[in-house]
C-alpha atoms as a PDB file:
ATOM      1  CA  MET A   1      86.751 142.326  93.586  1.00  0.00           C
ATOM      2  CA  MET A   2      84.652 140.700  94.068  1.00  0.00           C
ATOM      3  CA  ASP A   3      81.776 139.681  91.084  1.00  0.00           C
ATOM      4  CA  ALA A   4      78.809 141.237  91.203  1.00  0.00           C
ATOM      5  CA  ILE A   5      75.603 138.378  92.426  1.00  0.00           C
ATOM      6  CA  PRO A   6      72.915 138.620  89.681  1.00  0.00           C
ATOM      7  CA  PRO A   7      69.972 138.847  90.438  1.00  0.00           C
ATOM      8  CA  CYS A   8      66.895 136.759  91.363  1.00  0.00           C
ATOM      9  CA  ILE A   9      63.768 137.295  90.431  1.00  0.00           C
ATOM     10  CA  LEU A  10      61.346 135.807  92.635  1.00  0.00           C
ATOM     11  CA  GLU A  11      57.236 134.202  91.393  1.00  0.00           C
ATOM     12  CA  CYS A  12      54.266 132.938  92.967  1.00  0.00           C
ATOM     13  CA  PRO A  13      54.087 129.105  92.263  1.00  0.00           C
ATOM     14  CA  ASP A  14      51.900 128.445  89.319  1.00  0.00           C
ATOM     15  CA  THR A  15      48.510 126.055  90.194  1.00  0.00           C
ATOM     16  CA  ALA A  16      50.653 123.046  88.936  1.00  0.00           C
ATOM     17  CA  GLU A  17      53.350 123.615  91.763  1.00  0.00           C
ATOM     18  CA  ILE A  18      50.923 123.840  94.094  1.00  0.00           C
ATOM     19  CA  GLU A  19      47.903 121.621  93.551  1.00  0.00           C
ATOM     20  CA  MET A  20      51.937 118.860  93.400  1.00  0.00           C
ATOM     21  CA  LEU A  21      52.699 120.132  97.128  1.00  0.00           C
ATOM     22  CA  ARG A  22      49.120 119.895  98.104  1.00  0.00           C
ATOM     23  CA  THR A  23      48.510 116.124  96.731  1.00  0.00           C
ATOM     24  CA  ALA A  24      51.648 115.535  98.650  1.00  0.00           C
ATOM     25  CA  GLY A  25      49.710 116.570 101.577  1.00  0.00           C
ATOM     26  CA  VAL A  26      50.703 120.259 102.555  1.00  0.00           C
ATOM     27  CA  ALA A  27      48.414 122.700 103.089  1.00  0.00           C
ATOM     28  CA  ILE A  28      48.099 125.848 101.705  1.00  0.00           C
ATOM     29  CA  MET A  29      48.357 128.206 104.457  1.00  0.00           C
ATOM     30  CA  SER A  30      52.019 125.870 104.923  1.00  0.00           C
ATOM     31  CA  LEU A  31      52.769 127.857 101.706  1.00  0.00           C
ATOM     32  CA  ALA A  32      51.648 131.585 102.723  1.00  0.00           C
ATOM     33  CA  LYS A  33      52.946 131.815 107.089  1.00  0.00           C
ATOM     34  CA  PRO A  34      54.651 133.291 108.150  1.00  0.00           C
ATOM     35  CA  TRP A  35      56.352 134.307 104.994  1.00  0.00           C
ATOM     36  CA  ALA A  36      54.795 133.739 101.086  1.00  0.00           C
ATOM     37  CA  MET A  37      56.960 130.801  99.258  1.00  0.00           C
ATOM     38  CA  LYS A  38      57.938 131.644  96.592  1.00  0.00           C
ATOM     39  CA  VAL A  39      59.271 130.478  92.748  1.00  0.00           C
ATOM     40  CA  ALA A  40      62.693 131.071  91.261  1.00  0.00           C
ATOM     41  CA  CYS A  41      64.176 129.760  87.682  1.00  0.00           C
ATOM     42  CA  GLY A  42      68.306 129.058  88.219  1.00  0.00           C
ATOM     43  CA  TYR A  43      70.577 125.161  88.627  1.00  0.00           C
ATOM     44  CA  LEU A  44      73.326 124.377  91.886  1.00  0.00           C
ATOM     45  CA  ALA A  45      76.298 126.503  91.062  1.00  0.00           C
ATOM     46  CA  SER A  46      79.977 125.033  91.781  1.00  0.00           C
ATOM     47  CA  ASP A  47      80.335 126.952  94.527  1.00  0.00           C
ATOM     48  CA  ASN A  48      76.847 124.745  95.280  1.00  0.00           C
ATOM     49  CA  ARG A  49      74.770 128.379  95.562  1.00  0.00           C
ATOM     50  CA  PHE A  50      71.906 128.720  93.772  1.00  0.00           C
ATOM     51  CA  GLU A  51      72.297 130.605  90.041  1.00  0.00           C
ATOM     52  CA  PRO A  52      69.509 131.932  89.182  1.00  0.00           C
ATOM     53  CA  HIS A  53      68.681 131.494  85.347  1.00  0.00           C
ATOM     54  CA  GLY A  54      65.667 132.490  82.892  1.00  0.00           C
ATOM     55  CA  ARG A  55      66.100 128.833  81.154  1.00  0.00           C
ATOM     56  CA  GLY A  56      66.961 127.131  84.791  1.00  0.00           C
ATOM     57  CA  ASP A  57      65.207 124.364  86.470  1.00  0.00           C
ATOM     58  CA  ARG A  58      61.989 126.148  88.574  1.00  0.00           C
ATOM     59  CA  TRP A  59      62.968 125.903  92.365  1.00  0.00           C
ATOM     60  CA  PHE A  60      60.787 126.987  95.549  1.00  0.00           C
ATOM     61  CA  ALA A  61      62.272 129.172  97.313  1.00  0.00           C
ATOM     62  CA  PHE A  62      61.758 130.947 100.366  1.00  0.00           C
ATOM     63  CA  ASP A  63      63.201 133.625 102.298  1.00  0.00           C
ATOM     64  CA  GLU A  64      64.845 133.651 105.470  1.00  0.00           C
ATOM     65  CA  VAL A  65      64.769 137.234 106.889  1.00  0.00           C
ATOM     66  CA  GLY A  66      66.478 136.525 109.667  1.00  0.00           C
ATOM     67  CA  ALA A  67      69.271 135.699 108.162  1.00  0.00           C
ATOM     68  CA  GLY A  68      68.980 137.675 104.772  1.00  0.00           C
ATOM     69  CA  ASP A  69      69.183 134.619 102.846  1.00  0.00           C
ATOM     70  CA  ILE A  70      66.611 132.694 100.589  1.00  0.00           C
ATOM     71  CA  VAL A  71      66.896 129.063 100.388  1.00  0.00           C
ATOM     72  CA  PHE A  72      66.240 127.298  97.328  1.00  0.00           C
ATOM     73  CA  TRP A  73      64.929 123.580  97.731  1.00  0.00           C
ATOM     74  CA  HIS A  74      64.241 121.938  93.944  1.00  0.00           C
ATOM     75  CA  TRP A  75      61.548 118.855  94.858  1.00  0.00           C
ATOM     76  CA  PRO A  76      62.589 116.961  92.460  1.00  0.00           C
ATOM     77  CA  THR A  77      66.325 116.255  92.898  1.00  0.00           C
ATOM     78  CA  GLY A  78      65.822 116.587  97.220  1.00  0.00           C
ATOM     79  CA  ARG A  79      68.664 119.071  96.496  1.00  0.00           C
ATOM     80  CA  VAL A  80      68.597 122.205  98.686  1.00  0.00           C
ATOM     81  CA  THR A  81      70.674 125.454  98.915  1.00  0.00           C
ATOM     82  CA  THR A  82      70.469 128.783  99.493  1.00  0.00           C
ATOM     83  CA  TRP A  83      71.639 132.369  98.170  1.00  0.00           C
ATOM     84  CA  TYR A  84      74.543 134.271 100.310  1.00  0.00           C
ATOM     85  CA  GLY A  85      75.434 130.514 102.275  1.00  0.00           C
ATOM     86  CA  ARG A  86      74.419 132.541 105.677  1.00  0.00           C
ATOM     87  CA  THR A  87      71.178 130.822 107.088  1.00  0.00           C
ATOM     88  CA  PHE A  88      71.867 127.323 108.672  1.00  0.00           C
ATOM     89  CA  ALA A  89      68.362 125.854 108.235  1.00  0.00           C
ATOM     90  CA  LEU A  90      65.132 126.360 106.998  1.00  0.00           C
ATOM     91  CA  GLY A  91      63.016 128.063 109.017  1.00  0.00           C
ATOM     92  CA  ALA A  92      64.838 129.012 111.742  1.00  0.00           C
ATOM     93  CA  GLU A  93      63.205 131.981 112.219  1.00  0.00           C
ATOM     94  CA  VAL A  94      62.042 129.775 115.446  1.00  0.00           C
ATOM     95  CA  ILE A  95      65.079 129.238 116.686  1.00  0.00           C
ATOM     96  CA  ASP A  96      64.773 132.050 118.802  1.00  0.00           C
ATOM     97  CA  ASN A  97      61.266 132.455 119.559  1.00  0.00           C
ATOM     98  CA  PRO A  98      60.127 131.530 123.397  1.00  0.00           C
ATOM     99  CA  GLY A  99      56.749 130.042 121.929  1.00  0.00           C
ATOM    100  CA  THR A 100      58.591 126.542 120.475  1.00  0.00           C
ATOM    101  CA  TYR A 101      59.487 125.322 123.518  1.00  0.00           C
ATOM    102  CA  SER A 102      56.881 126.280 126.423  1.00  0.00           C
ATOM    103  CA  PHE A 103      53.744 123.856 127.266  1.00  0.00           C
ATOM    104  CA  ASP A 104      55.885 121.380 126.602  1.00  0.00           C
ATOM    105  CA  CYS A 105      56.680 121.414 122.744  1.00  0.00           C
ATOM    106  CA  ALA A 106      60.084 121.285 121.383  1.00  0.00           C
ATOM    107  CA  LEU A 107      62.141 122.438 117.812  1.00  0.00           C
ATOM    108  CA  ASN A 108      61.651 119.683 115.590  1.00  0.00           C
ATOM    109  CA  ILE A 109      64.186 119.029 112.485  1.00  0.00           C
ATOM    110  CA  PHE A 110      63.085 117.854 110.048  1.00  0.00           C
ATOM    111  CA  VAL A 111      64.905 115.688 107.447  1.00  0.00           C
ATOM    112  CA  ASP A 112      63.293 117.181 104.151  1.00  0.00           C
ATOM    113  CA  PRO A 113      61.836 120.013 103.169  1.00  0.00           C
ATOM    114  CA  LEU A 114      58.250 118.128 102.392  1.00  0.00           C
ATOM    115  CA  ASP A 115      58.303 117.134 105.927  1.00  0.00           C
ATOM    116  CA  TRP A 116      58.392 120.119 106.700  1.00  0.00           C
ATOM    117  CA  LEU A 117      56.027 121.968 105.203  1.00  0.00           C
ATOM    118  CA  ARG A 118      53.757 118.548 106.064  1.00  0.00           C
ATOM    119  CA  ALA A 119      54.302 120.036 109.467  1.00  0.00           C
ATOM    120  CA  ASN A 120      53.032 123.437 108.923  1.00  0.00           C
ATOM    121  CA  ARG A 121      56.307 124.613 108.961  1.00  0.00           C
ATOM    122  CA  ASP A 122      56.884 123.959 112.067  1.00  0.00           C
ATOM    123  CA  GLY A 123      60.504 123.187 113.198  1.00  0.00           C
ATOM    124  CA  ILE A 124      63.319 123.284 111.121  1.00  0.00           C
ATOM    125  CA  VAL A 125      65.721 121.379 108.203  1.00  0.00           C
ATOM    126  CA  VAL A 126      69.536 122.156 109.160  1.00  0.00           C
ATOM    127  CA  LEU A 127      71.129 122.502 105.702  1.00  0.00           C
ATOM    128  CA  ASP A 128      74.990 123.030 107.233  1.00  0.00           C
ATOM    129  CA  TRP A 129      75.247 120.818 110.774  1.00  0.00           C
ATOM    130  CA  ASP A 130      78.436 121.890 111.694  1.00  0.00           C
ATOM    131  CA  ARG A 131      76.971 124.937 112.349  1.00  0.00           C
ATOM    132  CA  ALA A 132      73.784 123.737 113.891  1.00  0.00           C
ATOM    133  CA  TYR A 133      75.593 122.231 116.914  1.00  0.00           C
ATOM    134  CA  ASP A 134      76.801 125.944 118.094  1.00  0.00           C
ATOM    135  CA  ARG A 135      73.381 127.103 116.880  1.00  0.00           C
ATOM    136  CA  LEU A 136      71.009 124.741 118.634  1.00  0.00           C
ATOM    137  CA  ARG A 137      73.490 124.656 121.675  1.00  0.00           C
ATOM    138  CA  ASP A 138      70.215 126.351 124.181  1.00  0.00           C
ATOM    139  CA  ALA A 139      67.419 124.959 122.469  1.00  0.00           C
ATOM    140  CA  SER A 140      65.706 123.684 124.973  1.00  0.00           C
ATOM    141  CA  ARG A 141      64.237 120.558 123.523  1.00  0.00           C
ATOM    142  CA  ILE A 142      64.902 119.629 120.520  1.00  0.00           C
ATOM    143  CA  ALA A 143      62.976 116.968 118.592  1.00  0.00           C
ATOM    144  CA  LEU A 144      64.511 114.312 115.009  1.00  0.00           C
ATOM    145  CA  ALA A 145      64.336 112.844 112.960  1.00  0.00           C
ATOM    146  CA  VAL A 146      67.626 112.079 111.509  1.00  0.00           C
ATOM    147  CA  ILE A 147      70.274 109.969 112.429  1.00  0.00           C
ATOM    148  CA  LEU A 148      73.215 112.766 113.944  1.00  0.00           C
ATOM    149  CA  PRO A 149      76.702 112.654 113.471  1.00  0.00           C
ATOM    150  CA  ARG A 150      79.018 113.132 116.554  1.00  0.00           C
ATOM    151  CA  HIS A 151      80.028 116.988 116.373  1.00  0.00           C
ATOM    152  CA  ASN A 152      84.029 115.990 117.578  1.00  0.00           C
ATOM    153  CA  GLU A 153      84.337 112.888 114.964  1.00  0.00           C
ATOM    154  CA  ARG A 154      86.009 114.138 112.155  1.00  0.00           C
ATOM    155  CA  SER A 155      87.410 112.468 109.554  1.00  0.00           C
ATOM    156  CA  GLY A 156      90.306 113.469 106.785  1.00  0.00           C
ATOM    157  CA  HIS A 157      88.617 116.043 104.939  1.00  0.00           C
ATOM    158  CA  GLY A 158      86.807 118.049 107.315  1.00  0.00           C
ATOM    159  CA  GLN A 159      82.993 116.130 106.806  1.00  0.00           C
ATOM    160  CA  LEU A 160      81.497 114.527 109.471  1.00  0.00           C
ATOM    161  CA  GLY A 161      82.374 111.458 110.261  1.00  0.00           C
ATOM    162  CA  ALA A 162      80.409 108.083 111.422  1.00  0.00           C
ATOM    163  CA  HIS A 163      76.847 108.689 112.840  1.00  0.00           C
ATOM    164  CA  ARG A 164      76.364 107.506 116.238  1.00  0.00           C
ATOM    165  CA  ARG A 165      72.636 106.338 116.659  1.00  0.00           C
ATOM    166  CA  LEU A 166      69.420 106.880 114.933  1.00  0.00           C
ATOM    167  CA  CYS A 167      67.039 109.442 117.196  1.00  0.00           C
ATOM    168  CA  PRO A 168      63.063 107.927 117.048  1.00  0.00           C
ATOM    169  CA  PHE A 169      60.962 111.237 115.903  1.00  0.00           C
ATOM    170  CA  ARG A 170      58.058 112.323 118.308  1.00  0.00           C
ATOM    171  CA  PRO A 171      57.330 114.798 117.059  1.00  0.00           C
ATOM    172  CA  SER A 172      55.834 117.410 120.022  1.00  0.00           C
ATOM    173  CA  ARG A 173      52.450 118.738 119.953  1.00  0.00           C
ATOM    174  CA  SER A 174      51.797 122.056 117.090  1.00  0.00           C
ATOM    175  CA  CYS A 175      52.067 124.597 119.801  1.00  0.00           C
ATOM    176  CA  GLU A 176      50.057 127.969 118.653  1.00  0.00           C
ATOM    177  CA  ARG A 177      52.287 130.798 117.629  1.00  0.00           C
END
């Protein structure tokens, strides 16, 4: 029998957290649309999932409605994790949106949530590259800010192998959705 997952209480970010993000170049509307960014207290559990705890660190939380999951980002350490492990990327709902690719636009892939927020959530942050290859297979145009590993090269431990090349990042022009 599986253990029940404890409830995760999501709160609004406090003024200091909002100001910290604004100082880092994040527009206020990036925190509110399409779904409001929240905050949860907890820690990274041994299974690499978020574990809520009232006295834990404060993590920014993003609801991934399409996947039925929540993505958590711990600003001080840069760690990113999920609640259920269902989503492979932060912001994944834009992948299937035709407006993402119209008028010579592309799906932007960012390295971390801060860059993604600075770009008004115009793209995704990949959390699980093993699932990304299959999920992004039909994306017509992609702009990258990362070193992509070869999909067919794997080390003996199931990890992705050597990196192939650096792809320069040129965000596509932002398309109004």
